Protein backbone atom coordinates (compact mmCIF):
# COMPACT_ATOMS: atom_id res chain seq x y z
CA MET A 1 103.53 243.37 61.20
CA ALA A 2 100.68 246.25 61.60
CA ASP A 3 97.16 246.96 62.49
CA TYR A 4 95.68 245.12 60.04
CA SER A 5 94.87 241.25 59.23
CA ILE A 6 97.23 239.07 58.99
CA PHE A 7 96.83 235.77 56.66
CA GLU A 8 98.21 232.83 56.13
CA SER A 9 99.24 230.46 53.02
CA ARG A 10 100.73 227.11 52.51
CA VAL A 11 103.77 226.92 49.73
CA GLU A 12 104.88 223.58 49.12
CA VAL A 13 108.51 223.71 48.17
CA ARG A 14 109.04 222.19 44.90
CA PRO A 15 112.02 220.18 43.23
CA ASP A 16 112.78 222.73 40.39
CA ASP A 17 112.91 225.82 43.40
CA ILE A 18 116.14 224.67 44.92
CA ASP A 19 119.73 225.71 44.09
CA MET A 20 123.40 224.04 43.43
CA ASN A 21 122.93 224.17 47.48
CA GLN A 22 120.27 222.07 48.12
CA HIS A 23 117.89 224.71 49.59
CA VAL A 24 115.02 227.17 48.03
CA HIS A 25 117.10 229.38 45.82
CA ASN A 26 116.81 232.91 47.38
CA SER A 27 114.77 234.52 44.86
CA LYS A 28 112.40 231.69 44.91
CA TYR A 29 111.17 233.30 48.55
CA LEU A 30 109.55 236.52 46.82
CA ASP A 31 107.94 233.81 44.46
CA TYR A 32 106.26 232.27 47.48
CA VAL A 33 105.38 235.71 48.84
CA LEU A 34 103.23 236.78 45.15
CA ALA A 35 101.89 233.35 45.05
CA ALA A 36 100.37 233.67 49.17
CA ARG A 37 99.07 237.35 48.33
CA TYR A 38 97.30 236.10 45.17
CA ASP A 39 95.76 233.22 47.39
CA GLN A 40 95.03 235.87 50.05
CA MET A 41 93.49 238.68 47.70
CA GLU A 42 91.09 236.17 46.43
CA ARG A 43 90.50 233.72 50.05
CA CYS A 44 91.06 236.50 52.63
CA TYR A 45 89.81 239.77 50.88
CA GLY A 46 86.85 238.72 48.58
CA MET A 47 88.29 241.11 45.46
CA SER A 48 90.75 238.56 43.38
CA MET A 49 93.79 240.18 41.05
CA GLY A 50 91.71 239.86 38.68
CA ALA A 51 88.83 241.95 40.08
CA PHE A 52 91.29 244.51 39.48
CA LEU A 53 92.35 243.73 35.96
CA GLU A 54 88.56 244.04 35.75
CA ARG A 55 89.00 247.36 36.90
CA GLY A 56 92.09 248.71 35.10
CA PHE A 57 94.52 248.75 37.83
CA SER A 58 97.08 246.37 38.96
CA TRP A 59 99.90 246.29 41.17
CA VAL A 60 103.71 246.70 40.93
CA VAL A 61 106.43 246.39 43.18
CA ARG A 62 108.37 249.14 43.63
CA ALA A 63 110.75 248.50 46.62
CA SER A 64 111.83 245.01 48.52
CA TYR A 65 113.32 244.24 51.06
CA MET A 66 114.10 240.96 52.75
CA GLU A 67 116.04 238.64 55.78
CA HIS A 68 116.91 235.11 54.90
CA LYS A 69 117.31 233.49 58.65
CA ARG A 70 117.68 229.62 57.36
CA PRO A 71 116.14 227.72 54.48
CA LEU A 72 113.93 225.54 53.19
CA HIS A 73 114.76 222.19 51.30
CA ILE A 74 113.03 219.86 49.26
CA GLY A 75 109.90 218.41 50.86
CA ASP A 76 109.09 221.37 53.56
CA VAL A 77 106.19 223.66 52.98
CA ALA A 78 106.60 227.43 53.76
CA LEU A 79 103.59 229.23 55.56
CA VAL A 80 103.73 232.47 54.56
CA GLN A 81 101.98 235.17 56.28
CA THR A 82 101.27 238.40 55.05
CA GLY A 83 99.32 241.27 55.98
CA VAL A 84 99.23 245.45 54.86
CA GLU A 85 101.13 247.46 57.07
CA GLU A 86 101.04 250.83 55.59
CA VAL A 87 99.04 252.45 53.34
CA LYS A 88 99.78 255.39 51.06
CA PRO A 89 97.77 257.56 48.56
CA ARG A 90 98.80 255.42 45.91
CA GLY A 91 100.06 252.26 47.11
CA VAL A 92 100.68 249.77 50.13
CA ARG A 93 103.85 248.37 52.10
CA VAL A 94 102.83 244.82 52.74
CA GLY A 95 104.29 243.06 55.86
CA PHE A 96 105.57 238.78 55.33
CA GLU A 97 107.15 236.33 57.38
CA ILE A 98 107.73 232.61 55.73
CA HIS A 99 108.08 230.11 58.00
CA LYS A 100 108.46 226.34 57.76
CA GLU A 101 105.65 224.38 58.40
CA SER A 102 106.96 221.59 60.66
CA ASP A 103 108.90 223.17 63.35
CA ARG A 104 106.77 227.32 62.57
CA LYS A 105 110.60 228.35 62.94
CA LEU A 106 111.23 231.75 60.96
CA VAL A 107 112.58 231.09 57.45
CA ALA A 108 112.43 235.14 55.91
CA LYS A 109 110.73 238.10 56.78
CA GLY A 110 111.06 241.54 55.23
CA TRP A 111 108.30 243.96 52.83
CA LEU A 112 106.95 245.02 49.76
CA ASP A 113 106.20 248.20 48.34
CA TYR A 114 103.33 248.44 46.08
CA ALA A 115 102.14 250.77 43.56
CA MET A 116 98.58 250.87 42.06
CA ILE A 117 98.96 251.43 38.37
CA SER A 118 96.54 252.34 35.56
CA LEU A 119 96.69 249.70 33.31
CA GLU A 120 95.60 252.26 30.88
CA SER A 121 98.23 254.87 31.48
CA GLY A 122 100.85 252.27 33.61
CA ARG A 123 101.20 255.59 35.97
CA PRO A 124 100.37 255.37 39.86
CA GLN A 125 96.98 255.91 40.44
CA PRO A 126 95.32 256.69 43.85
CA ILE A 127 93.57 253.92 45.30
CA PRO A 128 89.52 254.14 45.70
CA GLU A 129 88.01 254.47 48.60
CA ASP A 130 86.10 250.88 48.23
CA ILE A 131 89.53 249.13 47.64
CA LEU A 132 90.47 250.76 50.85
CA GLU A 133 87.91 249.54 52.58
CA ILE A 134 88.18 246.04 51.49
CA TYR A 135 91.69 245.76 52.02
CA SER A 136 91.77 247.30 55.87
CA ILE A 137 90.44 244.38 57.54
């Protein structure tokens, strides 16, 4: 990940995250990253998703990439690290790594490209300077 701060959140594996192969279904890993980002937006940056919505903004995923390294199982705790990797005029790339808490081994890594949109128009929106400053730590 890049020159910006990296933050970590704990996510416990739930029974309904488990698939027929007795490990976390691949789709749940993106849920873990989203949960971590929501936590970190409020706790670490001091600007929650609710604050974006109040200002008439939201974020949508334009593209995503993930490499799975090893599975998580029931009873595991995921440590989800995320950080801004790149700022673009109308969006950001957020990198992430998911580690298994018990041994700190890498479970998955990747990135998400987010576009900031106007809630009114649904169209991409330039990121305001004050928001860039908040998220540039």
